[in-house]
Amino acid sequence: MIAKDLRRLSKLYVKVLALHLPPPHTEYMAEAMLFISGSAGCMKQRQLVDFMEVDRRSLMPMLKELLDIGYLLATEDPECRNEYLFSLAENGKKVMPQIHEAVSAAEKIIEEKLGESRLSLFKKEMVQIEVSLKSKLLGYEFKKP
């Protein structure tokens, strides 16, 4: 089953990242912080939910430790009072070089095995799979029981 393979591959990749990341080694640390750092200042909660493919209620528990240790800031969105705006705190900005290095180190391990051209092709194929799957889910919202 491809879902099992993708999930396991993702878990292994995150473990390799964790070897190079500052604590905490949460599963979503690098992903969330890289996405937020790429925004111009603040990231809307809805954007982060959509990017991370999680439901709204799951996001805050995922980010709680990053908020608690001062890597991220969450402020009330003035346009929508039950939503938040996320940004990197000063401590979060300080660890971004380590996060970039961790991603580079993990990708280097993969590239050593696949080679640059096959890794590039793999990334392109993953984007195609994502686009294909998302096109089938337009308007669908996963609801937790």
N, C-alpha and C. Protein backbone atom coordinates (compact mmCIF):
# COMPACT_ATOMS: atom_id res chain seq x y z
N MET A 1 0.84 -1.17 0.00
CA MET A 1 0.00 0.00 0.00
C MET A 1 0.89 1.24 0.00
N ILE A 2 0.69 2.12 -0.95
CA ILE A 2 1.55 3.29 -1.10
C ILE A 2 1.49 4.22 0.11
N ALA A 3 0.33 4.32 0.77
CA ALA A 3 0.21 5.19 1.95
C ALA A 3 1.17 4.76 3.05
N LYS A 4 1.28 3.46 3.27
CA LYS A 4 2.20 2.94 4.29
C LYS A 4 3.63 3.31 3.94
N ASP A 5 4.00 3.14 2.68
CA ASP A 5 5.36 3.46 2.25
C ASP A 5 5.67 4.95 2.40
N LEU A 6 4.72 5.79 2.00
CA LEU A 6 4.92 7.23 2.11
C LEU A 6 5.01 7.67 3.57
N ARG A 7 4.14 7.12 4.41
CA ARG A 7 4.16 7.46 5.84
C ARG A 7 5.48 7.06 6.47
N ARG A 8 5.94 5.84 6.18
CA ARG A 8 7.21 5.37 6.75
C ARG A 8 8.37 6.20 6.24
N LEU A 9 8.38 6.50 4.95
CA LEU A 9 9.43 7.32 4.37
C LEU A 9 9.47 8.70 5.03
N SER A 10 8.29 9.27 5.23
CA SER A 10 8.19 10.57 5.89
C SER A 10 8.74 10.51 7.32
N LYS A 11 8.39 9.47 8.06
CA LYS A 11 8.87 9.32 9.44
C LYS A 11 10.39 9.18 9.47
N LEU A 12 10.94 8.39 8.55
CA LEU A 12 12.40 8.22 8.50
C LEU A 12 13.09 9.54 8.15
N TYR A 13 12.53 10.27 7.21
CA TYR A 13 13.09 11.57 6.82
C TYR A 13 13.10 12.52 8.02
N VAL A 14 12.01 12.56 8.76
CA VAL A 14 11.92 13.44 9.94
C VAL A 14 12.94 13.03 10.99
N LYS A 15 13.18 11.73 11.16
CA LYS A 15 14.18 11.27 12.12
C LYS A 15 15.58 11.71 11.70
N VAL A 16 15.88 11.66 10.41
CA VAL A 16 17.18 12.13 9.92
C VAL A 16 17.30 13.63 10.15
N LEU A 17 16.22 14.38 9.89
CA LEU A 17 16.23 15.82 10.18
C LEU A 17 16.53 16.06 11.65
N ALA A 18 15.91 15.28 12.52
CA ALA A 18 16.05 15.47 13.97
C ALA A 18 17.50 15.33 14.43
N LEU A 19 18.30 14.56 13.70
CA LEU A 19 19.72 14.43 14.05
C LEU A 19 20.43 15.77 14.00
N HIS A 20 19.93 16.69 13.19
CA HIS A 20 20.59 17.97 12.97
C HIS A 20 19.80 19.16 13.51
N LEU A 21 18.60 18.92 14.03
CA LEU A 21 17.75 20.02 14.49
C LEU A 21 17.97 20.31 15.97
N PRO A 22 17.79 21.59 16.34
CA PRO A 22 17.79 21.90 17.77
C PRO A 22 16.51 21.36 18.39
N PRO A 23 16.50 21.10 19.70
CA PRO A 23 15.26 20.65 20.34
C PRO A 23 14.17 21.71 20.21
N PRO A 24 12.92 21.35 20.19
CA PRO A 24 12.39 20.00 20.25
C PRO A 24 12.40 19.38 18.86
N HIS A 25 12.46 18.11 18.79
CA HIS A 25 12.49 17.43 17.50
C HIS A 25 11.09 17.00 17.12
N THR A 26 10.16 17.94 17.09
CA THR A 26 8.79 17.60 16.74
C THR A 26 8.69 17.30 15.25
N GLU A 27 7.73 16.48 14.92
CA GLU A 27 7.56 16.04 13.54
C GLU A 27 7.33 17.21 12.59
N TYR A 28 6.66 18.24 13.07
CA TYR A 28 6.27 19.34 12.19
C TYR A 28 7.14 20.58 12.35
N MET A 29 8.17 20.51 13.18
CA MET A 29 8.98 21.69 13.47
C MET A 29 9.55 22.32 12.21
N ALA A 30 10.33 21.56 11.47
CA ALA A 30 11.00 22.12 10.29
C ALA A 30 9.99 22.57 9.25
N GLU A 31 8.99 21.74 9.00
CA GLU A 31 7.98 22.06 7.98
C GLU A 31 7.26 23.36 8.29
N ALA A 32 6.78 23.50 9.51
CA ALA A 32 6.03 24.70 9.89
C ALA A 32 6.92 25.93 9.89
N MET A 33 8.10 25.80 10.48
CA MET A 33 8.98 26.97 10.59
C MET A 33 9.50 27.42 9.23
N LEU A 34 9.82 26.49 8.34
CA LEU A 34 10.26 26.87 7.00
C LEU A 34 9.14 27.59 6.25
N PHE A 35 7.92 27.09 6.35
CA PHE A 35 6.80 27.70 5.65
C PHE A 35 6.50 29.09 6.21
N ILE A 36 6.49 29.22 7.52
CA ILE A 36 6.23 30.52 8.15
C ILE A 36 7.35 31.50 7.82
N SER A 37 8.60 31.04 7.83
CA SER A 37 9.72 31.95 7.55
C SER A 37 9.69 32.47 6.12
N GLY A 38 9.06 31.71 5.22
CA GLY A 38 8.96 32.13 3.83
C GLY A 38 7.89 33.17 3.58
N SER A 39 7.06 33.43 4.59
CA SER A 39 6.00 34.42 4.44
C SER A 39 6.55 35.81 4.76
N ALA A 40 5.84 36.80 4.34
CA ALA A 40 6.26 38.19 4.60
C ALA A 40 5.73 38.61 5.97
N GLY A 41 6.40 38.19 7.01
CA GLY A 41 6.00 38.58 8.35
C GLY A 41 5.10 37.58 9.03
N CYS A 42 3.82 37.57 8.69
CA CYS A 42 2.83 36.71 9.36
C CYS A 42 2.20 35.72 8.40
N MET A 43 1.83 34.59 8.96
CA MET A 43 1.16 33.54 8.20
C MET A 43 -0.21 33.32 8.82
N LYS A 44 -1.24 33.37 8.00
CA LYS A 44 -2.59 33.12 8.50
C LYS A 44 -2.75 31.64 8.87
N GLN A 45 -3.53 31.40 9.90
CA GLN A 45 -3.77 30.03 10.37
C GLN A 45 -4.31 29.16 9.24
N ARG A 46 -5.23 29.68 8.45
CA ARG A 46 -5.82 28.90 7.35
C ARG A 46 -4.76 28.47 6.34
N GLN A 47 -3.80 29.37 6.04
CA GLN A 47 -2.72 29.02 5.11
C GLN A 47 -1.88 27.87 5.65
N LEU A 48 -1.58 27.93 6.94
CA LEU A 48 -0.77 26.89 7.55
C LEU A 48 -1.52 25.56 7.61
N VAL A 49 -2.80 25.62 7.92
CA VAL A 49 -3.65 24.42 7.92
C VAL A 49 -3.66 23.78 6.54
N ASP A 50 -3.86 24.59 5.51
CA ASP A 50 -3.90 24.07 4.14
C ASP A 50 -2.56 23.49 3.72
N PHE A 51 -1.48 24.19 4.04
CA PHE A 51 -0.15 23.73 3.64
C PHE A 51 0.21 22.41 4.32
N MET A 52 -0.10 22.31 5.61
CA MET A 52 0.30 21.12 6.37
C MET A 52 -0.70 19.98 6.25
N GLU A 53 -1.82 20.23 5.54
CA GLU A 53 -2.83 19.19 5.32
C GLU A 53 -3.35 18.62 6.63
N VAL A 54 -3.69 19.51 7.56
CA VAL A 54 -4.28 19.11 8.83
C VAL A 54 -5.58 19.87 9.03
N ASP A 55 -6.40 19.39 9.97
CA ASP A 55 -7.60 20.15 10.26
C ASP A 55 -7.25 21.25 11.28
N ARG A 56 -8.09 22.24 11.35
CA ARG A 56 -7.84 23.44 12.15
C ARG A 56 -7.61 23.10 13.63
N ARG A 57 -8.36 22.17 14.16
CA ARG A 57 -8.23 21.81 15.58
C ARG A 57 -6.91 21.12 15.89
N SER A 58 -6.30 20.48 14.92
CA SER A 58 -5.05 19.76 15.14
C SER A 58 -3.83 20.68 15.12
N LEU A 59 -3.97 21.83 14.51
CA LEU A 59 -2.80 22.69 14.30
C LEU A 59 -2.19 23.19 15.61
N MET A 60 -3.00 23.74 16.50
CA MET A 60 -2.45 24.31 17.73
C MET A 60 -1.73 23.28 18.60
N PRO A 61 -2.27 22.08 18.79
CA PRO A 61 -1.50 21.08 19.55
C PRO A 61 -0.17 20.74 18.88
N MET A 62 -0.14 20.73 17.54
CA MET A 62 1.09 20.43 16.81
C MET A 62 2.15 21.51 17.05
N LEU A 63 1.70 22.75 17.18
CA LEU A 63 2.63 23.87 17.31
C LEU A 63 2.87 24.29 18.76
N LYS A 64 2.15 23.67 19.70
CA LYS A 64 2.19 24.11 21.10
C LYS A 64 3.61 24.22 21.65
N GLU A 65 4.42 23.20 21.46
CA GLU A 65 5.78 23.23 22.01
C GLU A 65 6.61 24.33 21.37
N LEU A 66 6.43 24.56 20.07
CA LEU A 66 7.17 25.63 19.40
C LEU A 66 6.75 27.00 19.92
N LEU A 67 5.48 27.13 20.25
CA LEU A 67 4.98 28.37 20.86
C LEU A 67 5.49 28.52 22.29
N ASP A 68 5.46 27.43 23.05
CA ASP A 68 5.87 27.46 24.46
C ASP A 68 7.34 27.82 24.64
N ILE A 69 8.20 27.33 23.75
CA ILE A 69 9.64 27.61 23.91
C ILE A 69 10.07 28.89 23.19
N GLY A 70 9.12 29.56 22.58
CA GLY A 70 9.43 30.85 21.99
C GLY A 70 10.01 30.82 20.60
N TYR A 71 9.77 29.75 19.83
CA TYR A 71 10.19 29.73 18.43
C TYR A 71 9.16 30.40 17.54
N LEU A 72 7.89 30.28 17.92
CA LEU A 72 6.80 30.88 17.15
C LEU A 72 5.99 31.81 18.03
N LEU A 73 5.35 32.78 17.37
CA LEU A 73 4.39 33.67 18.02
C LEU A 73 3.03 33.45 17.36
N ALA A 74 1.98 33.49 18.16
CA ALA A 74 0.61 33.42 17.64
C ALA A 74 -0.14 34.63 18.17
N THR A 75 -0.70 35.41 17.26
CA THR A 75 -1.50 36.57 17.65
C THR A 75 -2.87 36.44 17.02
N GLU A 76 -3.86 37.00 17.69
CA GLU A 76 -5.23 36.93 17.18
C GLU A 76 -5.30 37.66 15.84
N ASP A 77 -5.95 37.04 14.87
CA ASP A 77 -6.14 37.64 13.55
C ASP A 77 -7.24 38.70 13.66
N PRO A 78 -6.92 39.97 13.40
CA PRO A 78 -7.94 41.02 13.52
C PRO A 78 -9.08 40.86 12.52
N GLU A 79 -8.85 40.15 11.43
CA GLU A 79 -9.89 39.94 10.42
C GLU A 79 -10.84 38.81 10.80
N CYS A 80 -10.39 37.92 11.68
CA CYS A 80 -11.21 36.77 12.08
C CYS A 80 -10.81 36.37 13.49
N ARG A 81 -11.60 36.73 14.45
CA ARG A 81 -11.24 36.60 15.87
C ARG A 81 -11.00 35.17 16.36
N ASN A 82 -11.48 34.17 15.66
CA ASN A 82 -11.22 32.80 16.12
C ASN A 82 -10.09 32.15 15.32
N GLU A 83 -9.29 32.95 14.67
CA GLU A 83 -8.11 32.48 13.92
C GLU A 83 -6.87 33.20 14.45
N TYR A 84 -5.70 32.66 14.13
CA TYR A 84 -4.45 33.25 14.56
C TYR A 84 -3.57 33.60 13.37
N LEU A 85 -2.64 34.50 13.64
CA LEU A 85 -1.54 34.81 12.72
C LEU A 85 -0.27 34.27 13.37
N PHE A 86 0.54 33.58 12.60
CA PHE A 86 1.78 33.01 13.13
C PHE A 86 2.98 33.71 12.52
N SER A 87 4.00 33.88 13.34
CA SER A 87 5.26 34.44 12.86
C SER A 87 6.39 33.81 13.67
N LEU A 88 7.61 33.97 13.15
CA LEU A 88 8.77 33.47 13.88
C LEU A 88 9.13 34.46 14.98
N ALA A 89 9.36 33.94 16.18
CA ALA A 89 9.88 34.76 17.27
C ALA A 89 11.39 34.90 17.07
N GLU A 90 12.03 35.74 17.85
CA GLU A 90 13.49 35.93 17.71
C GLU A 90 14.23 34.60 17.87
N ASN A 91 13.83 33.79 18.85
CA ASN A 91 14.48 32.47 19.03
C ASN A 91 14.28 31.59 17.81
N GLY A 92 13.11 31.68 17.19
CA GLY A 92 12.84 30.91 15.98
C GLY A 92 13.73 31.36 14.83
N LYS A 93 13.91 32.66 14.71
CA LYS A 93 14.78 33.19 13.64
C LYS A 93 16.21 32.72 13.83
N LYS A 94 16.64 32.61 15.08
CA LYS A 94 18.01 32.19 15.37
C LYS A 94 18.28 30.74 14.98
N VAL A 95 17.25 29.87 15.04
CA VAL A 95 17.48 28.45 14.71
C VAL A 95 17.24 28.15 13.23
N MET A 96 16.77 29.12 12.46
CA MET A 96 16.50 28.86 11.04
C MET A 96 17.73 28.37 10.27
N PRO A 97 18.94 28.92 10.51
CA PRO A 97 20.09 28.35 9.80
C PRO A 97 20.30 26.86 10.09
N GLN A 98 20.06 26.43 11.33
CA GLN A 98 20.19 25.02 11.67
C GLN A 98 19.13 24.18 10.94
N ILE A 99 17.94 24.73 10.80
CA ILE A 99 16.88 24.00 10.10
C ILE A 99 17.24 23.85 8.62
N HIS A 100 17.74 24.92 8.01
CA HIS A 100 18.17 24.84 6.61
C HIS A 100 19.30 23.82 6.45
N GLU A 101 20.24 23.82 7.39
CA GLU A 101 21.34 22.85 7.35
C GLU A 101 20.83 21.42 7.50
N ALA A 102 19.85 21.22 8.37
CA ALA A 102 19.28 19.88 8.58
C ALA A 102 18.62 19.37 7.31
N VAL A 103 17.87 20.24 6.64
CA VAL A 103 17.22 19.86 5.38
C VAL A 103 18.27 19.52 4.33
N SER A 104 19.31 20.34 4.23
CA SER A 104 20.38 20.07 3.27
C SER A 104 21.07 18.74 3.56
N ALA A 105 21.33 18.47 4.83
CA ALA A 105 21.99 17.22 5.21
C ALA A 105 21.12 16.01 4.86
N ALA A 106 19.84 16.10 5.13
CA ALA A 106 18.92 14.99 4.82
C ALA A 106 18.84 14.77 3.32
N GLU A 107 18.75 15.85 2.57
CA GLU A 107 18.66 15.71 1.11
C GLU A 107 19.97 15.20 0.53
N LYS A 108 21.09 15.55 1.15
CA LYS A 108 22.38 15.05 0.67
C LYS A 108 22.46 13.53 0.82
N ILE A 109 21.93 13.02 1.92
CA ILE A 109 21.91 11.56 2.14
C ILE A 109 21.13 10.88 1.03
N ILE A 110 19.98 11.45 0.69
CA ILE A 110 19.14 10.87 -0.38
C ILE A 110 19.84 11.01 -1.73
N GLU A 111 20.42 12.18 -1.96
CA GLU A 111 21.09 12.43 -3.25
C GLU A 111 22.28 11.50 -3.44
N GLU A 112 22.99 11.18 -2.37
CA GLU A 112 24.13 10.27 -2.47
C GLU A 112 23.69 8.90 -2.99
N LYS A 113 22.49 8.50 -2.63
CA LYS A 113 21.97 7.20 -3.07
C LYS A 113 21.35 7.27 -4.47
N LEU A 114 20.55 8.32 -4.71
CA LEU A 114 19.82 8.42 -5.98
C LEU A 114 20.57 9.15 -7.08
N GLY A 115 21.41 10.08 -6.70
CA GLY A 115 22.03 10.97 -7.67
C GLY A 115 21.16 12.21 -7.84
N GLU A 116 21.78 13.28 -8.29
CA GLU A 116 21.08 14.56 -8.40
C GLU A 116 19.89 14.51 -9.35
N SER A 117 20.06 13.89 -10.52
CA SER A 117 18.97 13.89 -11.50
C SER A 117 17.79 13.03 -11.04
N ARG A 118 18.06 11.89 -10.41
CA ARG A 118 16.95 11.05 -9.92
C ARG A 118 16.23 11.69 -8.74
N LEU A 119 16.98 12.39 -7.88
CA LEU A 119 16.34 13.11 -6.77
C LEU A 119 15.45 14.22 -7.31
N SER A 120 15.94 14.93 -8.31
CA SER A 120 15.13 15.99 -8.93
C SER A 120 13.86 15.41 -9.54
N LEU A 121 14.00 14.29 -10.24
CA LEU A 121 12.84 13.62 -10.84
C LEU A 121 11.87 13.15 -9.75
N PHE A 122 12.40 12.60 -8.66
CA PHE A 122 11.56 12.14 -7.55
C PHE A 122 10.74 13.30 -6.99
N LYS A 123 11.37 14.45 -6.80
CA LYS A 123 10.66 15.63 -6.28
C LYS A 123 9.56 16.07 -7.24
N LYS A 124 9.86 16.06 -8.53
CA LYS A 124 8.86 16.44 -9.53
C LYS A 124 7.68 15.47 -9.52
N GLU A 125 7.98 14.19 -9.41
CA GLU A 125 6.92 13.18 -9.37
C GLU A 125 6.06 13.33 -8.12
N MET A 126 6.69 13.66 -7.00
CA MET A 126 5.92 13.88 -5.77
C MET A 126 4.97 15.05 -5.93
N VAL A 127 5.41 16.11 -6.59
CA VAL A 127 4.53 17.26 -6.84
C VAL A 127 3.36 16.83 -7.71
N GLN A 128 3.62 16.03 -8.74
CA GLN A 128 2.55 15.55 -9.62
C GLN A 128 1.54 14.70 -8.86
N ILE A 129 2.03 13.85 -7.97
CA ILE A 129 1.14 13.03 -7.15
C ILE A 129 0.29 13.93 -6.25
N GLU A 130 0.92 14.92 -5.64
CA GLU A 130 0.18 15.84 -4.77
C GLU A 130 -0.91 16.58 -5.53
N VAL A 131 -0.57 17.10 -6.70
CA VAL A 131 -1.55 17.83 -7.52
C VAL A 131 -2.70 16.91 -7.90
N SER A 132 -2.37 15.70 -8.30
CA SER A 132 -3.40 14.74 -8.70
C SER A 132 -4.34 14.41 -7.54
N LEU A 133 -3.78 14.14 -6.37
CA LEU A 133 -4.61 13.81 -5.22
C LEU A 133 -5.45 15.00 -4.76
N LYS A 134 -4.85 16.18 -4.73
CA LYS A 134 -5.60 17.38 -4.31
C LYS A 134 -6.75 17.68 -5.25
N SER A 135 -6.57 17.41 -6.53
CA SER A 135 -7.64 17.70 -7.49
C SER A 135 -8.88 16.85 -7.22
N LYS A 136 -8.69 15.71 -6.59
CA LYS A 136 -9.82 14.83 -6.27
C LYS A 136 -10.49 15.20 -4.95
N LEU A 137 -9.87 16.10 -4.20
CA LEU A 137 -10.36 16.43 -2.86
C LEU A 137 -10.95 17.83 -2.75
N LEU A 138 -11.16 18.50 -3.85
CA LEU A 138 -11.67 19.87 -3.79
C LEU A 138 -12.97 19.91 -2.99
N GLY A 139 -12.99 20.75 -1.99
CA GLY A 139 -14.18 20.91 -1.16
C GLY A 139 -14.32 19.89 -0.04
N TYR A 140 -13.44 18.89 0.01
CA TYR A 140 -13.52 17.87 1.05
C TYR A 140 -12.78 18.35 2.29
N GLU A 141 -13.40 18.20 3.45
CA GLU A 141 -12.76 18.52 4.72
C GLU A 141 -12.77 17.28 5.59
N PHE A 142 -11.60 16.84 6.01
CA PHE A 142 -11.50 15.68 6.89
C PHE A 142 -12.03 16.07 8.26
N LYS A 143 -12.94 15.30 8.77
CA LYS A 143 -13.53 15.56 10.08
C LYS A 143 -13.10 14.46 11.05
N LYS A 144 -12.52 14.89 12.16
CA LYS A 144 -12.17 13.93 13.20
C LYS A 144 -13.42 13.55 13.96
N PRO A 145 -13.53 12.29 14.38
CA PRO A 145 -14.71 11.88 15.16
C PRO A 145 -14.74 12.55 16.52
